């Protein structure tokens, strides 16, 4: 089901911050908690936005184990697609210039996930992922200022659409299959969930376990 249609009158430019994004859309997306265990906050967030895990279960031992298993499975899919050395910086790439060696280090040391992991997850779930973050902040860095950066990562290992204006974001949210939305700030991912996701009856992470075991 698509999210509720955003407001038809859209100011020019980009969103100022997360509150501006929330107030400018009728999607009723609110930030929820994601586990930071083993720097798996991205996958913990995605598991909630995809409906695999209820917000009340994110810190349960079984879910933490399943999310870590998802990290390992994702690395097995991602690593063979990467170059041995990072390609030259330039236009946006699906792998965000991540090399095989860097991906190995991230996996072995449970380090913070990068743009390539977002692209991999989008393809794995066959769903676009919208990452919102304060401008001027790196994925593992501190908060920035100025405006809210909106990056869309589609399935298919194609280059993400970076720093979108609010009109483009609104259009994406109106798609029949709207993107899963996560918020990145201060080196931590958090899910943005609908009211139905936040208020749903608590359910076990069966779908997450199916994904890990696939």
C-alpha atoms as a PDB file:
ATOM      1  CA  UNK A   1       0.000   0.000   0.000  1.00  0.00           C
ATOM      2  CA  UNK A   2       1.350   3.466  -0.877  1.00  0.00           C
ATOM      3  CA  UNK A   3       1.799   6.050   1.835  1.00  0.00           C
ATOM      4  CA  UNK A   4      -0.838   8.813   2.105  1.00  0.00           C
ATOM      5  CA  UNK A   5      -0.403  11.432  -0.598  1.00  0.00           C
ATOM      6  CA  UNK A   6       1.855  14.326   0.458  1.00  0.00           C
ATOM      7  CA  UNK A   7       0.614  17.902   0.350  1.00  0.00           C
ATOM      8  CA  UNK A   8       0.102  19.214  -3.180  1.00  0.00           C
ATOM      9  CA  UNK A   9       1.650  22.627  -2.467  1.00  0.00           C
ATOM     10  CA  UNK A  10       5.392  22.067  -2.192  1.00  0.00           C
ATOM     11  CA  UNK A  11       7.843  24.897  -1.427  1.00  0.00           C
ATOM     12  CA  UNK A  12      10.899  25.080  -3.661  1.00  0.00           C
ATOM     13  CA  UNK A  13      14.292  23.815  -2.616  1.00  0.00           C
ATOM     14  CA  UNK A  14      15.172  21.124  -0.130  1.00  0.00           C
ATOM     15  CA  UNK A  15      13.853  20.161   3.274  1.00  0.00           C
ATOM     16  CA  UNK A  16      15.415  22.188   6.084  1.00  0.00           C
ATOM     17  CA  UNK A  17      15.539  19.356   8.599  1.00  0.00           C
ATOM     18  CA  UNK A  18      13.708  16.227   9.716  1.00  0.00           C
ATOM     19  CA  UNK A  19      10.879  18.221  11.272  1.00  0.00           C
ATOM     20  CA  UNK A  20      10.370  20.097   8.002  1.00  0.00           C
ATOM     21  CA  UNK A  21      10.196  16.752   6.177  1.00  0.00           C
ATOM     22  CA  UNK A  22       7.658  15.405   8.652  1.00  0.00           C
ATOM     23  CA  UNK A  23       5.498  18.524   8.592  1.00  0.00           C
ATOM     24  CA  UNK A  24       5.629  18.895   4.791  1.00  0.00           C
ATOM     25  CA  UNK A  25       4.285  15.412   4.115  1.00  0.00           C
ATOM     26  CA  UNK A  26       1.125  13.601   5.146  1.00  0.00           C
ATOM     27  CA  UNK A  27       3.008  10.344   5.497  1.00  0.00           C
ATOM     28  CA  UNK A  28       2.975  10.494   9.316  1.00  0.00           C
ATOM     29  CA  UNK A  29       6.498   9.069   9.504  1.00  0.00           C
ATOM     30  CA  UNK A  30       8.061   9.337  12.948  1.00  0.00           C
ATOM     31  CA  UNK A  31      11.552   8.368  14.066  1.00  0.00           C
ATOM     32  CA  UNK A  32      11.828   5.184  16.062  1.00  0.00           C
ATOM     33  CA  UNK A  33      14.658   3.395  17.853  1.00  0.00           C
ATOM     34  CA  UNK A  34      17.208   1.127  16.170  1.00  0.00           C
ATOM     35  CA  UNK A  35      19.720  -1.083  17.924  1.00  0.00           C
ATOM     36  CA  UNK A  36      23.356   0.000  17.634  1.00  0.00           C
ATOM     37  CA  UNK A  37      24.602  -3.482  18.529  1.00  0.00           C
ATOM     38  CA  UNK A  38      27.662  -4.269  16.352  1.00  0.00           C
ATOM     39  CA  UNK A  39      26.985  -1.069  14.372  1.00  0.00           C
ATOM     40  CA  UNK A  40      23.965  -2.766  12.835  1.00  0.00           C
ATOM     41  CA  UNK A  41      21.697   0.263  13.197  1.00  0.00           C
ATOM     42  CA  UNK A  42      21.095   0.419   9.434  1.00  0.00           C
ATOM     43  CA  UNK A  43      19.845  -3.168   9.215  1.00  0.00           C
ATOM     44  CA  UNK A  44      17.968  -2.806  12.501  1.00  0.00           C
ATOM     45  CA  UNK A  45      16.213   0.233  11.025  1.00  0.00           C
ATOM     46  CA  UNK A  46      15.515  -1.497   7.741  1.00  0.00           C
ATOM     47  CA  UNK A  47      14.110  -4.568   9.459  1.00  0.00           C
ATOM     48  CA  UNK A  48      11.511  -2.303  11.071  1.00  0.00           C
ATOM     49  CA  UNK A  49      10.638  -0.274   7.971  1.00  0.00           C
ATOM     50  CA  UNK A  50      10.240  -3.522   5.999  1.00  0.00           C
ATOM     51  CA  UNK A  51       7.904  -4.909   8.654  1.00  0.00           C
ATOM     52  CA  UNK A  52      10.205  -7.762   9.638  1.00  0.00           C
ATOM     53  CA  UNK A  53      10.544  -6.686  13.263  1.00  0.00           C
ATOM     54  CA  UNK A  54       8.254  -4.808  15.606  1.00  0.00           C
ATOM     55  CA  UNK A  55       9.876  -1.757  17.285  1.00  0.00           C
ATOM     56  CA  UNK A  56       9.451  -3.391  20.682  1.00  0.00           C
ATOM     57  CA  UNK A  57      11.622  -6.328  19.616  1.00  0.00           C
ATOM     58  CA  UNK A  58      14.702  -4.552  18.263  1.00  0.00           C
ATOM     59  CA  UNK A  59      16.852  -5.253  21.332  1.00  0.00           C
ATOM     60  CA  UNK A  60      15.724  -8.808  22.000  1.00  0.00           C
ATOM     61  CA  UNK A  61      18.565 -11.366  21.803  1.00  0.00           C
ATOM     62  CA  UNK A  62      16.925 -13.301  18.971  1.00  0.00           C
ATOM     63  CA  UNK A  63      16.523 -10.203  16.819  1.00  0.00           C
ATOM     64  CA  UNK A  64      20.066  -8.998  17.502  1.00  0.00           C
ATOM     65  CA  UNK A  65      21.382 -12.411  16.416  1.00  0.00           C
ATOM     66  CA  UNK A  66      19.180 -12.405  13.310  1.00  0.00           C
ATOM     67  CA  UNK A  67      20.292  -8.916  12.297  1.00  0.00           C
ATOM     68  CA  UNK A  68      23.938  -9.892  12.701  1.00  0.00           C
ATOM     69  CA  UNK A  69      23.229 -12.920  10.530  1.00  0.00           C
ATOM     70  CA  UNK A  70      21.695 -10.609   7.943  1.00  0.00           C
ATOM     71  CA  UNK A  71      24.914  -8.560   7.957  1.00  0.00           C
ATOM     72  CA  UNK A  72      26.960 -11.658   7.204  1.00  0.00           C
ATOM     73  CA  UNK A  73      24.583 -12.793   4.456  1.00  0.00           C
ATOM     74  CA  UNK A  74      24.574  -9.355   2.881  1.00  0.00           C
ATOM     75  CA  UNK A  75      28.370  -9.231   2.851  1.00  0.00           C
ATOM     76  CA  UNK A  76      28.467 -12.556   1.021  1.00  0.00           C
ATOM     77  CA  UNK A  77      26.262 -11.022  -1.679  1.00  0.00           C
ATOM     78  CA  UNK A  78      28.022  -7.649  -1.788  1.00  0.00           C
ATOM     79  CA  UNK A  79      31.723  -8.554  -1.661  1.00  0.00           C
ATOM     80  CA  UNK A  80      31.975 -10.366  -5.037  1.00  0.00           C
ATOM     81  CA  UNK A  81      30.496  -7.324  -6.777  1.00  0.00           C
ATOM     82  CA  UNK A  82      33.213  -4.950  -5.516  1.00  0.00           C
ATOM     83  CA  UNK A  83      36.573  -4.149  -7.083  1.00  0.00           C
ATOM     84  CA  UNK A  84      39.779  -5.162  -5.339  1.00  0.00           C
ATOM     85  CA  UNK A  85      40.735  -1.504  -5.072  1.00  0.00           C
ATOM     86  CA  UNK A  86      38.440   1.480  -4.783  1.00  0.00           C
ATOM     87  CA  UNK A  87      37.641   3.036  -8.187  1.00  0.00           C
ATOM     88  CA  UNK A  88      38.544   6.667  -8.845  1.00  0.00           C
ATOM     89  CA  UNK A  89      36.207   9.193  -7.275  1.00  0.00           C
ATOM     90  CA  UNK A  90      33.809  10.864  -9.657  1.00  0.00           C
ATOM     91  CA  UNK A  91      30.146  10.546 -10.530  1.00  0.00           C
ATOM     92  CA  UNK A  92      27.810   8.812  -8.108  1.00  0.00           C
ATOM     93  CA  UNK A  93      28.193   5.031  -8.123  1.00  0.00           C
ATOM     94  CA  UNK A  94      26.098   2.335  -6.497  1.00  0.00           C
ATOM     95  CA  UNK A  95      29.158   1.112  -4.569  1.00  0.00           C
ATOM     96  CA  UNK A  96      30.062   4.616  -3.343  1.00  0.00           C
ATOM     97  CA  UNK A  97      33.693   3.808  -4.293  1.00  0.00           C
ATOM     98  CA  UNK A  98      33.895   1.065  -1.678  1.00  0.00           C
ATOM     99  CA  UNK A  99      36.599  -1.502  -2.399  1.00  0.00           C
ATOM    100  CA  UNK A 100      36.529  -5.231  -1.663  1.00  0.00           C
ATOM    101  CA  UNK A 101      39.225  -4.784   0.999  1.00  0.00           C
ATOM    102  CA  UNK A 102      37.253  -2.025   2.722  1.00  0.00           C
ATOM    103  CA  UNK A 103      34.096  -4.142   2.695  1.00  0.00           C
ATOM    104  CA  UNK A 104      36.045  -7.052   4.203  1.00  0.00           C
ATOM    105  CA  UNK A 105      37.291  -4.812   7.004  1.00  0.00           C
ATOM    106  CA  UNK A 106      33.798  -3.450   7.671  1.00  0.00           C
ATOM    107  CA  UNK A 107      32.418  -6.974   7.899  1.00  0.00           C
ATOM    108  CA  UNK A 108      35.194  -8.511   9.964  1.00  0.00           C
ATOM    109  CA  UNK A 109      35.319  -5.654  12.457  1.00  0.00           C
ATOM    110  CA  UNK A 110      31.579  -4.881  12.565  1.00  0.00           C
ATOM    111  CA  UNK A 111      32.169  -1.331  11.363  1.00  0.00           C
ATOM    112  CA  UNK A 112      29.615   1.231  10.226  1.00  0.00           C
ATOM    113  CA  UNK A 113      27.852   0.337   6.973  1.00  0.00           C
ATOM    114  CA  UNK A 114      28.281   2.504   3.888  1.00  0.00           C
ATOM    115  CA  UNK A 115      26.347   3.513   0.782  1.00  0.00           C
ATOM    116  CA  UNK A 116      27.197   0.239  -0.982  1.00  0.00           C
ATOM    117  CA  UNK A 117      25.397  -1.656   1.776  1.00  0.00           C
ATOM    118  CA  UNK A 118      22.318   0.516   1.238  1.00  0.00           C
ATOM    119  CA  UNK A 119      22.375  -0.280  -2.495  1.00  0.00           C
ATOM    120  CA  UNK A 120      22.783  -3.977  -1.737  1.00  0.00           C
ATOM    121  CA  UNK A 121      19.850  -3.941   0.700  1.00  0.00           C
ATOM    122  CA  UNK A 122      17.660  -2.102  -1.813  1.00  0.00           C
ATOM    123  CA  UNK A 123      18.311  -4.796  -4.391  1.00  0.00           C
ATOM    124  CA  UNK A 124      17.897  -7.602  -1.887  1.00  0.00           C
ATOM    125  CA  UNK A 125      14.479  -6.299  -0.808  1.00  0.00           C
ATOM    126  CA  UNK A 126      13.580  -5.018  -4.288  1.00  0.00           C
ATOM    127  CA  UNK A 127      12.565  -1.716  -2.739  1.00  0.00           C
ATOM    128  CA  UNK A 128      13.968   1.784  -3.012  1.00  0.00           C
ATOM    129  CA  UNK A 129      15.509   3.126   0.198  1.00  0.00           C
ATOM    130  CA  UNK A 130      15.374   6.818   1.085  1.00  0.00           C
ATOM    131  CA  UNK A 131      18.181   7.986   3.378  1.00  0.00           C
ATOM    132  CA  UNK A 132      17.682  11.368   5.033  1.00  0.00           C
ATOM    133  CA  UNK A 133      20.592  13.064   6.786  1.00  0.00           C
ATOM    134  CA  UNK A 134      21.689  16.575   7.761  1.00  0.00           C
ATOM    135  CA  UNK A 135      23.776  18.144   5.009  1.00  0.00           C
ATOM    136  CA  UNK A 136      27.502  18.207   5.649  1.00  0.00           C
ATOM    137  CA  UNK A 137      27.555  14.991   7.680  1.00  0.00           C
ATOM    138  CA  UNK A 138      29.340  11.854   6.540  1.00  0.00           C
ATOM    139  CA  UNK A 139      27.744   8.468   7.144  1.00  0.00           C
ATOM    140  CA  UNK A 140      29.904   7.850  10.168  1.00  0.00           C
ATOM    141  CA  UNK A 141      30.380  11.494  11.086  1.00  0.00           C
ATOM    142  CA  UNK A 142      28.714  14.228  13.073  1.00  0.00           C
ATOM    143  CA  UNK A 143      25.579  16.184  12.281  1.00  0.00           C
ATOM    144  CA  UNK A 144      25.809  18.851   9.636  1.00  0.00           C
ATOM    145  CA  UNK A 145      23.739  21.954   9.051  1.00  0.00           C
ATOM    146  CA  UNK A 146      22.020  23.846   6.262  1.00  0.00           C
ATOM    147  CA  UNK A 147      19.431  21.435   4.899  1.00  0.00           C
ATOM    148  CA  UNK A 148      18.325  17.837   4.928  1.00  0.00           C
ATOM    149  CA  UNK A 149      20.039  15.669   2.335  1.00  0.00           C
ATOM    150  CA  UNK A 150      17.717  13.149   0.692  1.00  0.00           C
ATOM    151  CA  UNK A 151      19.326  10.247  -1.179  1.00  0.00           C
ATOM    152  CA  UNK A 152      17.340   7.577  -3.032  1.00  0.00           C
ATOM    153  CA  UNK A 153      18.884   4.122  -3.498  1.00  0.00           C
ATOM    154  CA  UNK A 154      16.916   2.043  -6.042  1.00  0.00           C
ATOM    155  CA  UNK A 155      17.214  -1.718  -6.588  1.00  0.00           C
ATOM    156  CA  UNK A 156      19.390  -3.035  -9.384  1.00  0.00           C
ATOM    157  CA  UNK A 157      22.833  -1.791  -8.282  1.00  0.00           C
ATOM    158  CA  UNK A 158      22.426   1.518 -10.074  1.00  0.00           C
ATOM    159  CA  UNK A 159      23.760   4.891  -8.967  1.00  0.00           C
ATOM    160  CA  UNK A 160      21.706   6.528  -6.213  1.00  0.00           C
ATOM    161  CA  UNK A 161      19.930   9.832  -6.753  1.00  0.00           C
ATOM    162  CA  UNK A 162      21.704  12.193  -4.364  1.00  0.00           C
ATOM    163  CA  UNK A 163      20.685  15.380  -2.547  1.00  0.00           C
ATOM    164  CA  UNK A 164      17.192  15.512  -4.015  1.00  0.00           C
ATOM    165  CA  UNK A 165      14.914  18.508  -3.781  1.00  0.00           C
ATOM    166  CA  UNK A 166      11.656  18.155  -1.924  1.00  0.00           C
ATOM    167  CA  UNK A 167       9.609  17.872  -5.141  1.00  0.00           C
ATOM    168  CA  UNK A 168      11.510  14.723  -6.135  1.00  0.00           C
ATOM    169  CA  UNK A 169      11.206  13.281  -2.633  1.00  0.00           C
ATOM    170  CA  UNK A 170       7.467  13.951  -2.574  1.00  0.00           C
ATOM    171  CA  UNK A 171       7.103  12.203  -5.931  1.00  0.00           C
ATOM    172  CA  UNK A 172       8.975   9.146  -4.626  1.00  0.00           C
ATOM    173  CA  UNK A 173       6.721   8.977  -1.573  1.00  0.00           C
ATOM    174  CA  UNK A 174       3.677   8.879  -3.861  1.00  0.00           C
ATOM    175  CA  UNK A 175       4.894   5.837  -5.784  1.00  0.00           C
ATOM    176  CA  UNK A 176       2.796   2.679  -5.603  1.00  0.00           C
ATOM    177  CA  UNK A 177       5.644   1.128  -3.633  1.00  0.00           C
ATOM    178  CA  UNK A 178       7.032   4.070  -1.646  1.00  0.00           C
ATOM    179  CA  UNK A 179      10.609   3.845  -0.386  1.00  0.00           C
ATOM    180  CA  UNK A 180      11.620   2.566   2.992  1.00  0.00           C
ATOM    181  CA  UNK A 181      12.788   5.664   4.891  1.00  0.00           C
ATOM    182  CA  UNK A 182      15.688   5.835   7.349  1.00  0.00           C
ATOM    183  CA  UNK A 183      17.290   8.818   9.057  1.00  0.00           C
ATOM    184  CA  UNK A 184      21.042   9.103   9.542  1.00  0.00           C
ATOM    185  CA  UNK A 185      22.375  11.536  12.121  1.00  0.00           C
ATOM    186  CA  UNK A 186      25.399  11.528  14.398  1.00  0.00           C
ATOM    187  CA  UNK A 187      26.647   8.241  12.965  1.00  0.00           C
ATOM    188  CA  UNK A 188      23.405   6.389  13.749  1.00  0.00           C
ATOM    189  CA  UNK A 189      20.565   5.162  11.540  1.00  0.00           C
ATOM    190  CA  UNK A 190      16.964   5.302  12.778  1.00  0.00           C
ATOM    191  CA  UNK A 191      13.811   4.066  11.042  1.00  0.00           C
ATOM    192  CA  UNK A 192      10.963   6.388  10.132  1.00  0.00           C
ATOM    193  CA  UNK A 193       7.798   4.391  10.708  1.00  0.00           C
ATOM    194  CA  UNK A 194       4.131   4.887   9.917  1.00  0.00           C
ATOM    195  CA  UNK A 195       1.550   4.914  12.679  1.00  0.00           C
ATOM    196  CA  UNK A 196       0.348   1.441  11.683  1.00  0.00           C
ATOM    197  CA  UNK A 197       3.899   0.115  12.022  1.00  0.00           C
ATOM    198  CA  UNK A 198       4.350   1.764  15.409  1.00  0.00           C
ATOM    199  CA  UNK A 199       0.987   0.610  16.749  1.00  0.00           C
ATOM    200  CA  UNK A 200       0.911  -2.883  15.233  1.00  0.00           C
ATOM    201  CA  UNK A 201       0.455  -5.881  17.477  1.00  0.00           C
ATOM    202  CA  UNK A 202       3.840  -7.220  18.535  1.00  0.00           C
ATOM    203  CA  UNK A 203       4.920 -10.017  16.214  1.00  0.00           C
ATOM    204  CA  UNK A 204       7.956 -12.346  16.140  1.00  0.00           C
ATOM    205  CA  UNK A 205      10.690 -11.730  13.564  1.00  0.00           C
ATOM    206  CA  UNK A 206       9.728 -14.676  11.322  1.00  0.00           C
ATOM    207  CA  UNK A 207      10.256 -12.794   8.070  1.00  0.00           C
ATOM    208  CA  UNK A 208      13.669 -11.589   9.203  1.00  0.00           C
ATOM    209  CA  UNK A 209      14.673 -15.136  10.042  1.00  0.00           C
ATOM    210  CA  UNK A 210      13.499 -16.320   6.609  1.00  0.00           C
ATOM    211  CA  UNK A 211      15.654 -13.636   4.979  1.00  0.00           C
ATOM    212  CA  UNK A 212      18.726 -14.594   6.993  1.00  0.00           C
ATOM    213  CA  UNK A 213      18.310 -18.282   6.246  1.00  0.00           C
ATOM    214  CA  UNK A 214      17.571 -17.832   2.540  1.00  0.00           C
END
